[in-house]
PDB file of N, CA and C in Angstrom:
ATOM      1  N   MET A   1      -7.623   4.121 -13.586  1.00  0.00           N
ATOM      2  CA  MET A   1      -7.165   4.977 -13.798  1.00  0.00           C
ATOM      3  C   MET A   1      -6.859   6.351 -12.807  1.00  0.00           C
ATOM      4  N   ASP A   2      -8.451   6.081 -11.743  1.00  0.00           N
ATOM      5  CA  ASP A   2      -8.239   7.335 -11.122  1.00  0.00           C
ATOM      6  C   ASP A   2      -7.278   6.766  -9.626  1.00  0.00           C
ATOM      7  N   ASP A   3      -7.392   5.482  -9.303  1.00  0.00           N
ATOM      8  CA  ASP A   3      -6.355   4.968  -8.301  1.00  0.00           C
ATOM      9  C   ASP A   3      -4.547   5.395  -8.810  1.00  0.00           C
ATOM     10  N   PHE A   4      -4.331   5.595 -10.088  1.00  0.00           N
ATOM     11  CA  PHE A   4      -3.242   5.725 -10.258  1.00  0.00           C
ATOM     12  C   PHE A   4      -3.132   7.449 -10.065  1.00  0.00           C
ATOM     13  N   LEU A   5      -3.847   8.488 -10.529  1.00  0.00           N
ATOM     14  CA  LEU A   5      -3.661   9.288 -10.248  1.00  0.00           C
ATOM     15  C   LEU A   5      -4.115   9.957  -8.616  1.00  0.00           C
ATOM     16  N   GLN A   6      -4.906   9.507  -8.219  1.00  0.00           N
ATOM     17  CA  GLN A   6      -4.892   9.610  -6.224  1.00  0.00           C
ATOM     18  C   GLN A   6      -3.662   8.977  -5.193  1.00  0.00           C
ATOM     19  N   THR A   7      -3.014   7.774  -5.936  1.00  0.00           N
ATOM     20  CA  THR A   7      -1.663   7.761  -6.088  1.00  0.00           C
ATOM     21  C   THR A   7      -0.945   8.729  -5.946  1.00  0.00           C
ATOM     22  N   GLY A   8      -0.723   8.801  -6.727  1.00  0.00           N
ATOM     23  CA  GLY A   8       0.176  10.140  -7.492  1.00  0.00           C
ATOM     24  C   GLY A   8       0.386  11.601  -6.131  1.00  0.00           C
ATOM     25  N   GLU A   9      -0.799  11.821  -6.108  1.00  0.00           N
ATOM     26  CA  GLU A   9      -1.133  12.588  -5.496  1.00  0.00           C
ATOM     27  C   GLU A   9      -0.686  12.575  -4.264  1.00  0.00           C
ATOM     28  N   LEU A  10      -1.071  11.825  -3.727  1.00  0.00           N
ATOM     29  CA  LEU A  10      -0.855  11.188  -2.383  1.00  0.00           C
ATOM     30  C   LEU A  10       0.666  11.171  -2.123  1.00  0.00           C
ATOM     31  N   LEU A  11       1.205  10.535  -3.087  1.00  0.00           N
ATOM     32  CA  LEU A  11       2.591  10.649  -2.565  1.00  0.00           C
ATOM     33  C   LEU A  11       3.659  12.109  -2.912  1.00  0.00           C
ATOM     34  N   SER A  12       2.962  12.927  -3.993  1.00  0.00           N
ATOM     35  CA  SER A  12       3.856  14.239  -3.990  1.00  0.00           C
ATOM     36  C   SER A  12       3.277  14.911  -3.166  1.00  0.00           C
ATOM     37  N   GLN A  13       2.265  14.516  -2.293  1.00  0.00           N
ATOM     38  CA  GLN A  13       1.465  15.634  -0.710  1.00  0.00           C
ATOM     39  C   GLN A  13       2.686  15.129   0.336  1.00  0.00           C
ATOM     40  N   ILE A  14       2.953  13.414   0.445  1.00  0.00           N
ATOM     41  CA  ILE A  14       4.011  12.937   1.550  1.00  0.00           C
ATOM     42  C   ILE A  14       5.742  13.753   0.866  1.00  0.00           C
ATOM     43  N   GLN A  15       5.978  13.641  -0.244  1.00  0.00           N
ATOM     44  CA  GLN A  15       7.057  14.023  -0.543  1.00  0.00           C
ATOM     45  C   GLN A  15       7.156  15.236   0.051  1.00  0.00           C
ATOM     46  N   ALA A  16       6.411  16.196  -0.329  1.00  0.00           N
ATOM     47  CA  ALA A  16       6.230  17.744  -0.094  1.00  0.00           C
ATOM     48  C   ALA A  16       6.295  18.258   1.702  1.00  0.00           C
ATOM     49  N   ALA A  17       5.412  17.189   1.805  1.00  0.00           N
ATOM     50  CA  ALA A  17       5.332  17.781   3.684  1.00  0.00           C
ATOM     51  C   ALA A  17       6.606  16.901   4.540  1.00  0.00           C
ATOM     52  N   ALA A  18       7.453  15.552   3.882  1.00  0.00           N
ATOM     53  CA  ALA A  18       8.543  15.470   4.795  1.00  0.00           C
ATOM     54  C   ALA A  18       9.790  16.058   4.386  1.00  0.00           C
ATOM     55  N   LEU A  19       9.535  17.019   2.941  1.00  0.00           N
ATOM     56  CA  LEU A  19      10.449  17.805   2.467  1.00  0.00           C
ATOM     57  C   LEU A  19      10.586  18.985   4.170  1.00  0.00           C
ATOM     58  N   LYS A  20       9.296  19.811   3.713  1.00  0.00           N
ATOM     59  CA  LYS A  20       8.700  20.680   4.721  1.00  0.00           C
ATOM     60  C   LYS A  20       9.387  20.539   5.942  1.00  0.00           C
ATOM     61  N   SER A  21       9.314  19.213   6.398  1.00  0.00           N
ATOM     62  CA  SER A  21       9.633  19.115   7.916  1.00  0.00           C
ATOM     63  C   SER A  21      11.072  18.239   8.746  1.00  0.00           C
ATOM     64  N   GLY A  22      11.428  18.403   7.167  1.00  0.00           N
ATOM     65  CA  GLY A  22      13.129  18.007   7.667  1.00  0.00           C
ATOM     66  C   GLY A  22      13.193  16.399   7.786  1.00  0.00           C
ATOM     67  N   LEU A  23      12.723  16.029   7.220  1.00  0.00           N
ATOM     68  CA  LEU A  23      12.635  14.383   6.747  1.00  0.00           C
ATOM     69  C   LEU A  23      12.886  13.650   5.323  1.00  0.00           C
ATOM     70  N   PRO A  24      14.441  14.032   5.089  1.00  0.00           N
ATOM     71  CA  PRO A  24      14.469  13.751   3.943  1.00  0.00           C
ATOM     72  C   PRO A  24      14.603  12.335   3.600  1.00  0.00           C
ATOM     73  N   GLY A  25      14.576  11.171   4.464  1.00  0.00           N
ATOM     74  CA  GLY A  25      14.686  10.208   4.234  1.00  0.00           C
ATOM     75  C   GLY A  25      12.953   9.129   3.735  1.00  0.00           C
ATOM     76  N   ILE A  26      12.054  10.133   4.489  1.00  0.00           N
ATOM     77  CA  ILE A  26      10.730  10.231   3.848  1.00  0.00           C
ATOM     78  C   ILE A  26      10.257  10.284   2.325  1.00  0.00           C
ATOM     79  N   ALA A  27      11.036  11.845   2.155  1.00  0.00           N
ATOM     80  CA  ALA A  27      11.078  12.233   1.070  1.00  0.00           C
ATOM     81  C   ALA A  27      11.816  11.472   0.003  1.00  0.00           C
ATOM     82  N   ALA A  28      12.725  11.139   0.495  1.00  0.00           N
ATOM     83  CA  ALA A  28      13.532  10.217  -0.684  1.00  0.00           C
ATOM     84  C   ALA A  28      12.990   9.025  -1.538  1.00  0.00           C
ATOM     85  N   GLU A  29      12.225   8.042  -0.274  1.00  0.00           N
ATOM     86  CA  GLU A  29      10.910   7.130  -0.489  1.00  0.00           C
ATOM     87  C   GLU A  29       9.805   7.492  -0.955  1.00  0.00           C
ATOM     88  N   ALA A  30       9.125   8.706  -1.084  1.00  0.00           N
ATOM     89  CA  ALA A  30       8.282   8.712  -1.751  1.00  0.00           C
ATOM     90  C   ALA A  30       8.741   8.969  -2.933  1.00  0.00           C
ATOM     91  N   THR A  31       9.773   9.959  -3.330  1.00  0.00           N
ATOM     92  CA  THR A  31      10.405  10.326  -4.696  1.00  0.00           C
ATOM     93  C   THR A  31      10.104   9.275  -5.497  1.00  0.00           C
ATOM     94  N   GLN A  32      10.900   8.223  -4.648  1.00  0.00           N
ATOM     95  CA  GLN A  32      11.253   7.089  -5.741  1.00  0.00           C
ATOM     96  C   GLN A  32       9.940   5.967  -6.252  1.00  0.00           C
ATOM     97  N   GLN A  33       9.108   5.959  -4.786  1.00  0.00           N
ATOM     98  CA  GLN A  33       7.857   5.230  -5.768  1.00  0.00           C
ATOM     99  C   GLN A  33       6.591   5.998  -6.326  1.00  0.00           C
ATOM    100  N   LEU A  34       7.160   7.157  -6.395  1.00  0.00           N
ATOM    101  CA  LEU A  34       5.906   8.423  -7.335  1.00  0.00           C
ATOM    102  C   LEU A  34       6.520   7.785  -8.751  1.00  0.00           C
ATOM    103  N   ASP A  35       8.574   7.951  -8.826  1.00  0.00           N
ATOM    104  CA  ASP A  35       8.807   7.427  -9.928  1.00  0.00           C
ATOM    105  C   ASP A  35       8.456   6.350 -10.374  1.00  0.00           C
ATOM    106  N   TYR A  36       8.537   5.148 -10.073  1.00  0.00           N
ATOM    107  CA  TYR A  36       7.660   3.626 -10.285  1.00  0.00           C
ATOM    108  C   TYR A  36       7.025   4.160 -10.454  1.00  0.00           C
ATOM    109  N   LEU A  37       5.744   4.799  -9.695  1.00  0.00           N
ATOM    110  CA  LEU A  37       4.711   4.206 -10.069  1.00  0.00           C
ATOM    111  C   LEU A  37       4.459   5.131 -11.540  1.00  0.00           C
ATOM    112  N   TYR A  38       4.731   6.373 -11.777  1.00  0.00           N
ATOM    113  CA  TYR A  38       5.187   6.810 -13.517  1.00  0.00           C
ATOM    114  C   TYR A  38       5.122   5.972 -14.284  1.00  0.00           C
ATOM    115  N   GLN A  39       6.405   5.407 -14.125  1.00  0.00           N
ATOM    116  CA  GLN A  39       7.223   4.270 -15.189  1.00  0.00           C
ATOM    117  C   GLN A  39       5.960   2.786 -15.180  1.00  0.00           C
ATOM    118  N   THR A  40       5.291   2.364 -14.054  1.00  0.00           N
ATOM    119  CA  THR A  40       4.845   1.212 -14.550  1.00  0.00           C
ATOM    120  C   THR A  40       3.391   1.552 -14.350  1.00  0.00           C
ATOM    121  N   GLY A  41       3.270   2.002 -13.475  1.00  0.00           N
ATOM    122  CA  GLY A  41       1.403   2.444 -13.517  1.00  0.00           C
ATOM    123  C   GLY A  41       0.676   2.205 -12.356  1.00  0.00           C
ATOM    124  N   ARG A  42       2.002   1.126 -11.175  1.00  0.00           N
ATOM    125  CA  ARG A  42       1.483   0.334 -10.433  1.00  0.00           C
ATOM    126  C   ARG A  42       2.359   0.589  -9.118  1.00  0.00           C
ATOM    127  N   LEU A  43       2.484   0.522  -7.979  1.00  0.00           N
ATOM    128  CA  LEU A  43       3.480  -0.193  -7.288  1.00  0.00           C
ATOM    129  C   LEU A  43       3.103  -1.397  -7.190  1.00  0.00           C
ATOM    130  N   THR A  44       4.021  -1.833  -6.337  1.00  0.00           N
ATOM    131  CA  THR A  44       3.968  -3.466  -5.261  1.00  0.00           C
ATOM    132  C   THR A  44       3.646  -3.265  -4.431  1.00  0.00           C
ATOM    133  N   ALA A  45       3.212  -4.367  -3.660  1.00  0.00           N
ATOM    134  CA  ALA A  45       2.387  -4.592  -1.982  1.00  0.00           C
ATOM    135  C   ALA A  45       4.030  -3.896  -1.419  1.00  0.00           C
ATOM    136  N   HIS A  46       4.801  -4.708  -1.622  1.00  0.00           N
ATOM    137  CA  HIS A  46       6.121  -4.490  -0.544  1.00  0.00           C
ATOM    138  C   HIS A  46       6.557  -2.560  -1.069  1.00  0.00           C
ATOM    139  N   GLN A  47       6.318  -2.011  -2.194  1.00  0.00           N
ATOM    140  CA  GLN A  47       6.659  -0.701  -1.836  1.00  0.00           C
ATOM    141  C   GLN A  47       5.636  -0.086  -1.503  1.00  0.00           C
ATOM    142  N   ALA A  48       3.801  -0.018  -1.638  1.00  0.00           N
ATOM    143  CA  ALA A  48       3.207   0.379  -1.027  1.00  0.00           C
ATOM    144  C   ALA A  48       2.967   0.593   0.901  1.00  0.00           C
ATOM    145  N   THR A  49       3.472  -0.381   1.614  1.00  0.00           N
ATOM    146  CA  THR A  49       4.065  -0.389   2.642  1.00  0.00           C
ATOM    147  C   THR A  49       5.115   0.296   2.550  1.00  0.00           C
ATOM    148  N   GLY A  50       5.865   0.672   1.615  1.00  0.00           N
ATOM    149  CA  GLY A  50       7.211   0.839   2.749  1.00  0.00           C
ATOM    150  C   GLY A  50       7.679   2.353   3.042  1.00  0.00           C
ATOM    151  N   LEU A  51       6.422   3.259   3.065  1.00  0.00           N
ATOM    152  CA  LEU A  51       6.399   4.505   3.533  1.00  0.00           C
ATOM    153  C   LEU A  51       5.690   4.549   4.897  1.00  0.00           C
ATOM    154  N   LEU A  52       5.263   3.378   5.140  1.00  0.00           N
ATOM    155  CA  LEU A  52       4.626   3.163   6.436  1.00  0.00           C
ATOM    156  C   LEU A  52       5.240   2.244   7.190  1.00  0.00           C
ATOM    157  N   ARG A  53       6.227   1.564   6.987  1.00  0.00           N
ATOM    158  CA  ARG A  53       7.355   1.012   7.589  1.00  0.00           C
ATOM    159  C   ARG A  53       8.389   2.047   8.156  1.00  0.00           C
ATOM    160  N   ALA A  54       8.637   2.968   7.021  1.00  0.00           N
ATOM    161  CA  ALA A  54       9.407   3.896   7.489  1.00  0.00           C
ATOM    162  C   ALA A  54       8.741   4.755   8.337  1.00  0.00           C
ATOM    163  N   THR A  55       7.965   5.256   8.021  1.00  0.00           N
ATOM    164  CA  THR A  55       7.593   6.678   9.569  1.00  0.00           C
ATOM    165  C   THR A  55       7.562   5.690  10.971  1.00  0.00           C
ATOM    166  N   ARG A  56       6.920   5.064  10.624  1.00  0.00           N
ATOM    167  CA  ARG A  56       6.659   3.920  11.830  1.00  0.00           C
ATOM    168  C   ARG A  56       8.064   3.644  12.474  1.00  0.00           C
ATOM    169  N   GLU A  57       9.415   3.749  11.899  1.00  0.00           N
ATOM    170  CA  GLU A  57      10.243   3.451  12.214  1.00  0.00           C
ATOM    171  C   GLU A  57      10.681   4.539  12.751  1.00  0.00           C
ATOM    172  N   LEU A  58      10.552   5.681  12.342  1.00  0.00           N
ATOM    173  CA  LEU A  58      10.433   7.086  12.545  1.00  0.00           C
ATOM    174  C   LEU A  58       9.933   7.592  14.065  1.00  0.00           C
ATOM    175  N   GLY A  59       8.613   7.319  14.056  1.00  0.00           N
ATOM    176  CA  GLY A  59       8.293   7.556  15.222  1.00  0.00           C
ATOM    177  C   GLY A  59       8.573   6.646  15.767  1.00  0.00           C
ATOM    178  N   ALA A  60       9.433   5.456  16.028  1.00  0.00           N
ATOM    179  CA  ALA A  60      10.176   4.888  17.171  1.00  0.00           C
ATOM    180  C   ALA A  60      11.506   5.071  17.441  1.00  0.00           C
ATOM    181  N   ASP A  61      11.961   6.419  17.062  1.00  0.00           N
ATOM    182  CA  ASP A  61      13.214   6.982  16.977  1.00  0.00           C
ATOM    183  C   ASP A  61      13.063   8.288  18.099  1.00  0.00           C
ATOM    184  N   LEU A  62      11.944   8.976  18.033  1.00  0.00           N
ATOM    185  CA  LEU A  62      11.877   9.599  18.152  1.00  0.00           C
ATOM    186  C   LEU A  62      11.075   9.820  20.267  1.00  0.00           C
TER     187      LEU A  62
END
């Protein structure tokens, strides 16, 4: 249960930081994962790496 709560808190923080930084794509990804986490209680391996991939792609574009 701790992992679920910690993951949810982390995704919420990522979502807020992305919105504050003007990164709606990252915020949307975090929101989508947060919704899925609350619905199912877990994330798939693919989802868990989704934000990492998105932020790496963003860094490459900068």
